[in-house]
C-alpha atoms as a PDB file:
ATOM      1  CA  MET A   1      -6.023 -12.345   0.640  1.00  0.00           C
ATOM      2  CA  SER A   2      -5.761 -10.491  -2.667  1.00  0.00           C
ATOM      3  CA  ASN A   3      -2.611  -9.735  -4.637  1.00  0.00           C
ATOM      4  CA  LEU A   4      -2.041  -7.642  -7.753  1.00  0.00           C
ATOM      5  CA  GLN A   5      -2.755 -10.603 -10.035  1.00  0.00           C
ATOM      6  CA  THR A   6      -6.163 -11.309  -8.484  1.00  0.00           C
ATOM      7  CA  LEU A   7      -7.354  -7.769  -7.782  1.00  0.00           C
ATOM      8  CA  LYS A   8     -10.306  -6.284  -9.614  1.00  0.00           C
ATOM      9  CA  PHE A   9     -10.274  -2.600 -10.554  1.00  0.00           C
ATOM     10  CA  PHE A  10     -13.139  -0.248 -11.357  1.00  0.00           C
ATOM     11  CA  VAL A  11     -13.318   3.110 -13.121  1.00  0.00           C
ATOM     12  CA  THR A  12     -15.582   5.947 -12.041  1.00  0.00           C
ATOM     13  CA  PRO A  13     -17.609   8.122 -14.386  1.00  0.00           C
ATOM     14  CA  PRO A  14     -16.155  11.615 -14.920  1.00  0.00           C
ATOM     15  CA  HIS A  15     -16.451  13.818 -11.845  1.00  0.00           C
ATOM     16  CA  ASP A  16     -15.250  17.239 -10.712  1.00  0.00           C
ATOM     17  CA  CYS A  17     -11.477  17.375 -10.299  1.00  0.00           C
ATOM     18  CA  SER A  18     -10.344  18.217  -6.761  1.00  0.00           C
ATOM     19  CA  TYR A  19      -7.162  19.941  -7.945  1.00  0.00           C
ATOM     20  CA  ILE A  20      -7.824  21.672 -11.263  1.00  0.00           C
ATOM     21  CA  LYS A  21     -10.990  23.703 -11.760  1.00  0.00           C
ATOM     22  CA  PRO A  22     -13.233  23.358 -13.726  1.00  0.00           C
ATOM     23  CA  ALA A  23     -11.705  20.149 -15.100  1.00  0.00           C
ATOM     24  CA  GLU A  24     -13.254  16.713 -14.785  1.00  0.00           C
ATOM     25  CA  ALA A  25     -11.395  13.652 -13.540  1.00  0.00           C
ATOM     26  CA  VAL A  26     -11.694   9.885 -13.780  1.00  0.00           C
ATOM     27  CA  THR A  27     -10.547   7.623 -10.963  1.00  0.00           C
ATOM     28  CA  LEU A  28      -9.365   4.018 -10.984  1.00  0.00           C
ATOM     29  CA  PHE A  29     -10.045   2.242  -7.708  1.00  0.00           C
ATOM     30  CA  VAL A  30      -9.446  -1.165  -6.188  1.00  0.00           C
ATOM     31  CA  ASP A  31     -12.372  -3.479  -5.519  1.00  0.00           C
ATOM     32  CA  PRO A  32     -13.523  -2.265  -2.064  1.00  0.00           C
ATOM     33  CA  GLN A  33     -14.446  -5.852  -1.112  1.00  0.00           C
ATOM     34  CA  ALA A  34     -10.876  -7.087  -1.575  1.00  0.00           C
ATOM     35  CA  GLU A  35      -8.680  -7.763   1.450  1.00  0.00           C
ATOM     36  CA  ILE A  36      -5.460  -5.842   0.906  1.00  0.00           C
ATOM     37  CA  ASN A  37      -2.461  -6.896   2.997  1.00  0.00           C
ATOM     38  CA  ARG A  38       0.582  -4.738   3.663  1.00  0.00           C
ATOM     39  CA  PRO A  39       2.768  -6.102   0.796  1.00  0.00           C
ATOM     40  CA  THR A  40      -0.017  -5.582  -1.751  1.00  0.00           C
ATOM     41  CA  TYR A  41      -0.828  -2.118  -0.404  1.00  0.00           C
ATOM     42  CA  THR A  42       2.872  -1.249  -0.598  1.00  0.00           C
ATOM     43  CA  HIS A  43       3.022  -2.376  -4.216  1.00  0.00           C
ATOM     44  CA  LEU A  44      -0.084  -0.341  -5.044  1.00  0.00           C
ATOM     45  CA  THR A  45       1.457   2.709  -3.369  1.00  0.00           C
ATOM     46  CA  GLN A  46       4.615   2.227  -5.405  1.00  0.00           C
ATOM     47  CA  LEU A  47       2.374   2.317  -8.491  1.00  0.00           C
ATOM     48  CA  GLY A  48       0.841   5.639  -7.478  1.00  0.00           C
ATOM     49  CA  PHE A  49      -2.274   4.569  -5.575  1.00  0.00           C
ATOM     50  CA  ARG A  50      -3.565   6.377  -2.478  1.00  0.00           C
ATOM     51  CA  ARG A  51      -6.051   5.553   0.251  1.00  0.00           C
ATOM     52  CA  SER A  52      -9.117   7.474   1.420  1.00  0.00           C
ATOM     53  CA  GLY A  53     -11.052   5.600   4.081  1.00  0.00           C
ATOM     54  CA  THR A  54     -11.391   2.035   2.830  1.00  0.00           C
ATOM     55  CA  HIS A  55     -10.957   3.033  -0.832  1.00  0.00           C
ATOM     56  CA  ILE A  56      -7.615   2.716  -2.622  1.00  0.00           C
ATOM     57  CA  TYR A  57      -7.490   4.753  -5.813  1.00  0.00           C
ATOM     58  CA  ARG A  58      -5.397   6.418  -8.518  1.00  0.00           C
ATOM     59  CA  PRO A  59      -6.192   9.155 -11.061  1.00  0.00           C
ATOM     60  CA  HIS A  60      -7.073   7.646 -14.437  1.00  0.00           C
ATOM     61  CA  CYS A  61      -7.656  10.654 -16.673  1.00  0.00           C
ATOM     62  CA  GLU A  62      -7.127  10.015 -20.382  1.00  0.00           C
ATOM     63  CA  TYR A  63      -5.742  13.415 -21.384  1.00  0.00           C
ATOM     64  CA  CYS A  64      -4.355  14.803 -18.130  1.00  0.00           C
ATOM     65  CA  LYS A  65      -1.323  13.573 -16.190  1.00  0.00           C
ATOM     66  CA  ALA A  66      -1.098  16.475 -13.752  1.00  0.00           C
ATOM     67  CA  CYS A  67      -1.375  14.310 -10.609  1.00  0.00           C
ATOM     68  CA  ILE A  68       2.125  12.992  -9.979  1.00  0.00           C
ATOM     69  CA  SER A  69       3.025  10.768  -7.023  1.00  0.00           C
ATOM     70  CA  ALA A  70       5.903  12.015  -4.886  1.00  0.00           C
ATOM     71  CA  ARG A  71       8.065  10.475  -2.176  1.00  0.00           C
ATOM     72  CA  ILE A  72      11.116  11.411  -0.103  1.00  0.00           C
ATOM     73  CA  PRO A  73      14.090   9.029   0.157  1.00  0.00           C
ATOM     74  CA  VAL A  74      14.666   9.825   3.804  1.00  0.00           C
ATOM     75  CA  GLU A  75      18.334   8.816   4.135  1.00  0.00           C
ATOM     76  CA  GLN A  76      19.257  11.209   1.326  1.00  0.00           C
ATOM     77  CA  PHE A  77      17.122  14.066   2.616  1.00  0.00           C
ATOM     78  CA  ASN A  78      18.913  17.398   3.013  1.00  0.00           C
ATOM     79  CA  LEU A  79      17.525  19.799   5.607  1.00  0.00           C
ATOM     80  CA  SER A  80      17.369  23.342   4.232  1.00  0.00           C
ATOM     81  CA  LYS A  81      18.067  26.424   6.345  1.00  0.00           C
ATOM     82  CA  GLY A  82      14.391  27.272   6.392  1.00  0.00           C
ATOM     83  CA  GLN A  83      13.427  23.762   7.448  1.00  0.00           C
ATOM     84  CA  ARG A  84      16.056  23.844  10.182  1.00  0.00           C
ATOM     85  CA  ARG A  85      14.466  27.050  11.520  1.00  0.00           C
ATOM     86  CA  ILE A  86      11.048  25.406  11.465  1.00  0.00           C
ATOM     87  CA  SER A  87      12.410  22.402  13.338  1.00  0.00           C
ATOM     88  CA  ASN A  88      13.937  24.672  15.979  1.00  0.00           C
ATOM     89  CA  LYS A  89      10.697  26.637  16.390  1.00  0.00           C
ATOM     90  CA  ASN A  90       8.917  23.396  17.227  1.00  0.00           C
ATOM     91  CA  SER A  91      11.530  21.883  19.529  1.00  0.00           C
ATOM     92  CA  ASP A  92       9.000  21.974  22.386  1.00  0.00           C
ATOM     93  CA  ILE A  93       6.578  19.645  20.614  1.00  0.00           C
ATOM     94  CA  LEU A  94       6.021  16.106  21.862  1.00  0.00           C
ATOM     95  CA  VAL A  95       4.389  13.459  19.670  1.00  0.00           C
ATOM     96  CA  GLU A  96       2.061  10.698  20.829  1.00  0.00           C
ATOM     97  CA  THR A  97       1.093   7.876  18.457  1.00  0.00           C
ATOM     98  CA  ILE A  98      -2.366   6.319  18.818  1.00  0.00           C
ATOM     99  CA  MET A  99      -4.827   4.180  16.927  1.00  0.00           C
ATOM    100  CA  PRO A 100      -7.307   6.119  14.732  1.00  0.00           C
ATOM    101  CA  ARG A 101     -10.123   7.679  16.716  1.00  0.00           C
ATOM    102  CA  LEU A 102     -12.412  10.680  16.770  1.00  0.00           C
ATOM    103  CA  ASP A 103     -12.713  12.460  20.095  1.00  0.00           C
ATOM    104  CA  GLU A 104     -13.787  16.013  20.796  1.00  0.00           C
ATOM    105  CA  GLU A 105     -10.235  17.397  20.956  1.00  0.00           C
ATOM    106  CA  ILE A 106      -9.249  15.915  17.605  1.00  0.00           C
ATOM    107  CA  TRP A 107     -12.568  16.908  16.067  1.00  0.00           C
ATOM    108  CA  GLN A 108     -12.239  20.543  17.125  1.00  0.00           C
ATOM    109  CA  LEU A 109      -8.776  20.750  15.560  1.00  0.00           C
ATOM    110  CA  TYR A 110      -9.964  19.151  12.310  1.00  0.00           C
ATOM    111  CA  GLN A 111     -13.036  21.362  12.155  1.00  0.00           C
ATOM    112  CA  SER A 112     -10.950  24.510  12.629  1.00  0.00           C
ATOM    113  CA  TYR A 113      -8.436  23.428  10.002  1.00  0.00           C
ATOM    114  CA  ILE A 114     -10.990  22.633   7.295  1.00  0.00           C
ATOM    115  CA  SER A 115     -13.101  25.703   8.036  1.00  0.00           C
ATOM    116  CA  GLU A 116     -10.141  28.100   7.952  1.00  0.00           C
ATOM    117  CA  ARG A 117      -7.927  26.548   5.269  1.00  0.00           C
ATOM    118  CA  HIS A 118     -10.170  24.609   2.895  1.00  0.00           C
ATOM    119  CA  GLN A 119     -13.460  26.439   2.452  1.00  0.00           C
ATOM    120  CA  ASP A 120     -12.982  26.041  -1.297  1.00  0.00           C
ATOM    121  CA  GLY A 121     -12.533  22.268  -1.076  1.00  0.00           C
ATOM    122  CA  ASP A 122     -14.880  19.289  -1.246  1.00  0.00           C
ATOM    123  CA  MET A 123     -14.392  18.548   2.486  1.00  0.00           C
ATOM    124  CA  TYR A 124     -16.094  21.795   3.506  1.00  0.00           C
ATOM    125  CA  PRO A 125     -18.159  22.005   5.591  1.00  0.00           C
ATOM    126  CA  PRO A 126     -16.585  19.327   7.809  1.00  0.00           C
ATOM    127  CA  THR A 127     -18.760  16.695   9.461  1.00  0.00           C
ATOM    128  CA  LYS A 128     -17.972  13.943  11.933  1.00  0.00           C
ATOM    129  CA  GLU A 129     -19.341  11.361   9.498  1.00  0.00           C
ATOM    130  CA  GLN A 130     -16.934  12.613   6.848  1.00  0.00           C
ATOM    131  CA  PHE A 131     -14.028  12.487   9.297  1.00  0.00           C
ATOM    132  CA  ASP A 132     -14.866   8.898  10.254  1.00  0.00           C
ATOM    133  CA  SER A 133     -15.182   7.679   6.669  1.00  0.00           C
ATOM    134  CA  PHE A 134     -12.026   9.518   5.568  1.00  0.00           C
ATOM    135  CA  LEU A 135      -9.580   8.938   8.435  1.00  0.00           C
ATOM    136  CA  VAL A 136     -10.931   6.554  11.071  1.00  0.00           C
ATOM    137  CA  GLU A 137     -12.375   3.818   8.867  1.00  0.00           C
ATOM    138  CA  THR A 138      -9.341   1.994   7.519  1.00  0.00           C
ATOM    139  CA  ASN A 139      -8.330  -1.396   6.197  1.00  0.00           C
ATOM    140  CA  GLN A 140      -4.626  -0.720   6.752  1.00  0.00           C
ATOM    141  CA  GLU A 141      -2.156  -0.224   9.605  1.00  0.00           C
ATOM    142  CA  THR A 142      -3.093   3.386  10.249  1.00  0.00           C
ATOM    143  CA  ARG A 143      -1.849   5.583  13.065  1.00  0.00           C
ATOM    144  CA  PHE A 144      -2.623   9.082  14.326  1.00  0.00           C
ATOM    145  CA  HIS A 145       0.463  11.039  15.425  1.00  0.00           C
ATOM    146  CA  LEU A 146      -0.620  13.771  17.857  1.00  0.00           C
ATOM    147  CA  PHE A 147       1.617  16.851  18.108  1.00  0.00           C
ATOM    148  CA  ARG A 148       1.353  18.767  21.400  1.00  0.00           C
ATOM    149  CA  ASP A 149       3.177  21.782  22.762  1.00  0.00           C
ATOM    150  CA  SER A 150       4.788  21.874  26.210  1.00  0.00           C
ATOM    151  CA  GLU A 151       1.450  22.808  27.780  1.00  0.00           C
ATOM    152  CA  GLY A 152      -0.286  19.805  26.245  1.00  0.00           C
ATOM    153  CA  THR A 153      -2.266  21.720  23.625  1.00  0.00           C
ATOM    154  CA  LEU A 154      -2.988  19.653  20.526  1.00  0.00           C
ATOM    155  CA  LEU A 155      -1.490  21.503  17.552  1.00  0.00           C
ATOM    156  CA  ALA A 156      -1.479  18.941  14.741  1.00  0.00           C
ATOM    157  CA  VAL A 157      -2.405  15.388  13.777  1.00  0.00           C
ATOM    158  CA  ALA A 158      -0.531  13.447  11.097  1.00  0.00           C
ATOM    159  CA  VAL A 159      -2.311  10.362   9.776  1.00  0.00           C
ATOM    160  CA  THR A 160      -0.039   7.672   8.306  1.00  0.00           C
ATOM    161  CA  ASP A 161      -0.235   4.153   6.909  1.00  0.00           C
ATOM    162  CA  GLN A 162       2.529   1.633   7.504  1.00  0.00           C
ATOM    163  CA  LEU A 163       4.117   0.159   4.363  1.00  0.00           C
ATOM    164  CA  GLU A 164       6.815  -2.396   3.722  1.00  0.00           C
ATOM    165  CA  ASP A 165       9.211   0.334   2.598  1.00  0.00           C
ATOM    166  CA  GLY A 166       8.177   3.251   4.825  1.00  0.00           C
ATOM    167  CA  ILE A 167       4.947   5.117   5.474  1.00  0.00           C
ATOM    168  CA  SER A 168       2.288   6.831   3.424  1.00  0.00           C
ATOM    169  CA  ALA A 169       1.344  10.307   4.660  1.00  0.00           C
ATOM    170  CA  VAL A 170      -2.428  10.008   4.336  1.00  0.00           C
ATOM    171  CA  TYR A 171      -3.386  13.426   5.721  1.00  0.00           C
ATOM    172  CA  THR A 172      -2.241  16.098   8.142  1.00  0.00           C
ATOM    173  CA  PHE A 173      -4.388  18.743   9.801  1.00  0.00           C
ATOM    174  CA  PHE A 174      -3.210  21.401  12.211  1.00  0.00           C
ATOM    175  CA  SER A 175      -4.099  24.566  14.077  1.00  0.00           C
ATOM    176  CA  PRO A 176      -4.704  27.426  11.625  1.00  0.00           C
ATOM    177  CA  TYR A 177      -3.832  29.884  14.405  1.00  0.00           C
ATOM    178  CA  HIS A 178      -0.118  29.022  14.725  1.00  0.00           C
ATOM    179  CA  ASP A 179       1.195  30.064  11.313  1.00  0.00           C
ATOM    180  CA  LYS A 180       4.655  30.958  12.635  1.00  0.00           C
ATOM    181  CA  ARG A 181       5.264  27.327  13.535  1.00  0.00           C
ATOM    182  CA  SER A 182       4.724  26.088   9.916  1.00  0.00           C
ATOM    183  CA  LEU A 183       3.104  22.983  11.375  1.00  0.00           C
ATOM    184  CA  GLY A 184       2.428  21.294   8.029  1.00  0.00           C
ATOM    185  CA  VAL A 185       6.107  21.383   7.094  1.00  0.00           C
ATOM    186  CA  TYR A 186       7.147  20.362  10.589  1.00  0.00           C
ATOM    187  CA  ALA A 187       4.868  17.306  10.461  1.00  0.00           C
ATOM    188  CA  VAL A 188       6.707  16.130   7.346  1.00  0.00           C
ATOM    189  CA  LEU A 189      10.090  16.772   8.960  1.00  0.00           C
ATOM    190  CA  TRP A 190       9.031  14.744  11.986  1.00  0.00           C
ATOM    191  CA  GLN A 191       7.901  11.848   9.789  1.00  0.00           C
ATOM    192  CA  ILE A 192      11.275  11.874   8.020  1.00  0.00           C
ATOM    193  CA  GLU A 193      13.095  11.583  11.349  1.00  0.00           C
ATOM    194  CA  TYR A 194      10.633   8.928  12.498  1.00  0.00           C
ATOM    195  CA  LEU A 195      11.482   6.827   9.445  1.00  0.00           C
ATOM    196  CA  LYS A 196      15.209   7.326   9.918  1.00  0.00           C
ATOM    197  CA  THR A 197      15.007   5.904  13.436  1.00  0.00           C
ATOM    198  CA  ARG A 198      13.167   2.872  12.041  1.00  0.00           C
ATOM    199  CA  ARG A 199      15.557   2.558   9.077  1.00  0.00           C
ATOM    200  CA  GLU A 200      12.704   2.643   6.593  1.00  0.00           C
ATOM    201  CA  PRO A 201      13.509   4.255   3.248  1.00  0.00           C
ATOM    202  CA  TYR A 202      10.516   6.243   1.945  1.00  0.00           C
ATOM    203  CA  LEU A 203       7.951   8.789   2.990  1.00  0.00           C
ATOM    204  CA  TYR A 204       5.173   8.809   0.376  1.00  0.00           C
ATOM    205  CA  LEU A 205       3.628  12.284   0.127  1.00  0.00           C
ATOM    206  CA  GLY A 206       0.727  11.517  -2.180  1.00  0.00           C
ATOM    207  CA  TYR A 207       0.080  13.580  -5.289  1.00  0.00           C
ATOM    208  CA  TRP A 208       1.862  16.697  -6.395  1.00  0.00           C
ATOM    209  CA  VAL A 209       0.140  18.938  -8.944  1.00  0.00           C
ATOM    210  CA  LYS A 210       2.368  21.631 -10.383  1.00  0.00           C
ATOM    211  CA  SER A 211      -0.445  24.136 -10.881  1.00  0.00           C
ATOM    212  CA  CYS A 212      -1.886  23.630  -7.386  1.00  0.00           C
ATOM    213  CA  ARG A 213      -0.518  26.296  -5.042  1.00  0.00           C
ATOM    214  CA  LYS A 214      -1.331  24.318  -1.892  1.00  0.00           C
ATOM    215  CA  MET A 215       1.026  21.543  -3.010  1.00  0.00           C
ATOM    216  CA  THR A 216       4.117  23.629  -3.681  1.00  0.00           C
ATOM    217  CA  TYR A 217       5.487  22.883  -0.187  1.00  0.00           C
ATOM    218  CA  LYS A 218       6.261  19.334  -1.323  1.00  0.00           C
ATOM    219  CA  THR A 219       8.952  20.557  -3.711  1.00  0.00           C
ATOM    220  CA  GLY A 220      10.843  22.039  -0.759  1.00  0.00           C
ATOM    221  CA  PHE A 221      11.861  18.561   0.404  1.00  0.00           C
ATOM    222  CA  LYS A 222      14.995  17.496  -1.434  1.00  0.00           C
ATOM    223  CA  PRO A 223      15.814  15.165  -2.910  1.00  0.00           C
ATOM    224  CA  LEU A 224      12.292  14.414  -4.067  1.00  0.00           C
ATOM    225  CA  GLU A 225      11.343  11.465  -6.240  1.00  0.00           C
ATOM    226  CA  ILE A 226       8.337  11.516  -8.561  1.00  0.00           C
ATOM    227  CA  LEU A 227       6.554   8.755 -10.447  1.00  0.00           C
ATOM    228  CA  LEU A 228       6.771   9.201 -14.223  1.00  0.00           C
ATOM    229  CA  ASP A 229       5.591   6.454 -16.592  1.00  0.00           C
ATOM    230  CA  ASP A 230       5.520   4.002 -13.656  1.00  0.00           C
ATOM    231  CA  ASN A 231       9.158   4.710 -12.802  1.00  0.00           C
ATOM    232  CA  TRP A 232      10.427   6.616  -9.757  1.00  0.00           C
ATOM    233  CA  VAL A 233      12.935   9.264 -10.835  1.00  0.00           C
ATOM    234  CA  ALA A 234      14.745  12.078  -9.076  1.00  0.00           C
ATOM    235  CA  ALA A 235      12.838  15.347  -9.537  1.00  0.00           C
ATOM    236  CA  THR A 236      14.952  18.090 -11.072  1.00  0.00           C
ATOM    237  CA  ASP A 237      14.258  21.805 -10.768  1.00  0.00           C
ATOM    238  CA  ASP A 238      13.259  21.841 -14.455  1.00  0.00           C
ATOM    239  CA  MET A 239      10.513  19.341 -13.651  1.00  0.00           C
ATOM    240  CA  ILE A 240       9.037  20.909 -10.533  1.00  0.00           C
ATOM    241  CA  LEU A 241       9.635  24.664 -10.684  1.00  0.00           C
END
């Protein structure tokens, strides 16, 4: 089993940046042949790494530091009025937690989400092979949290990895036809409450990019901590607005 002292890291050639167009990015990733246990994965997450499929990576751009890791200290989290309204709107939702899988119901929801919300992204058009390699194939303790309304309709799926100090929110996809529910925000609120019941301290939200409009929702969760120069610090309004 690998640890940080024995891990090998590799650097990609420059490639198109997923967040800032038309910039190029460079990515540092962990040896995909290494066996990564939960403590090591937790430490990597604390250092700003993320997981996609079986690859664990971190931006490694020489002149750009726009991708900033963010996490919520759940015990200190303050629910805003708007978030309270969103929680109330979704009080009928029940959540089932399962092992990662791709069935027709989950696939249809994912396909609708990517096709309606992310036609400008590198995951469009969606394919089942892409879904498998991104979300089902995993070398970590991954779970799918299925959000259903009172009639049993699948509205959202939140994909998380278990860490030593909380969970990493890998990805969330949801129905693009229920905007009034604000399902993306509600999925985060549910994960915060989930962690509180387990007495685990952090929800890792992945990267926040100030210039990326689709990531502005992350700054609505307060307090928010961000990773600057390998140190987690409280995000102030001057930093994030």
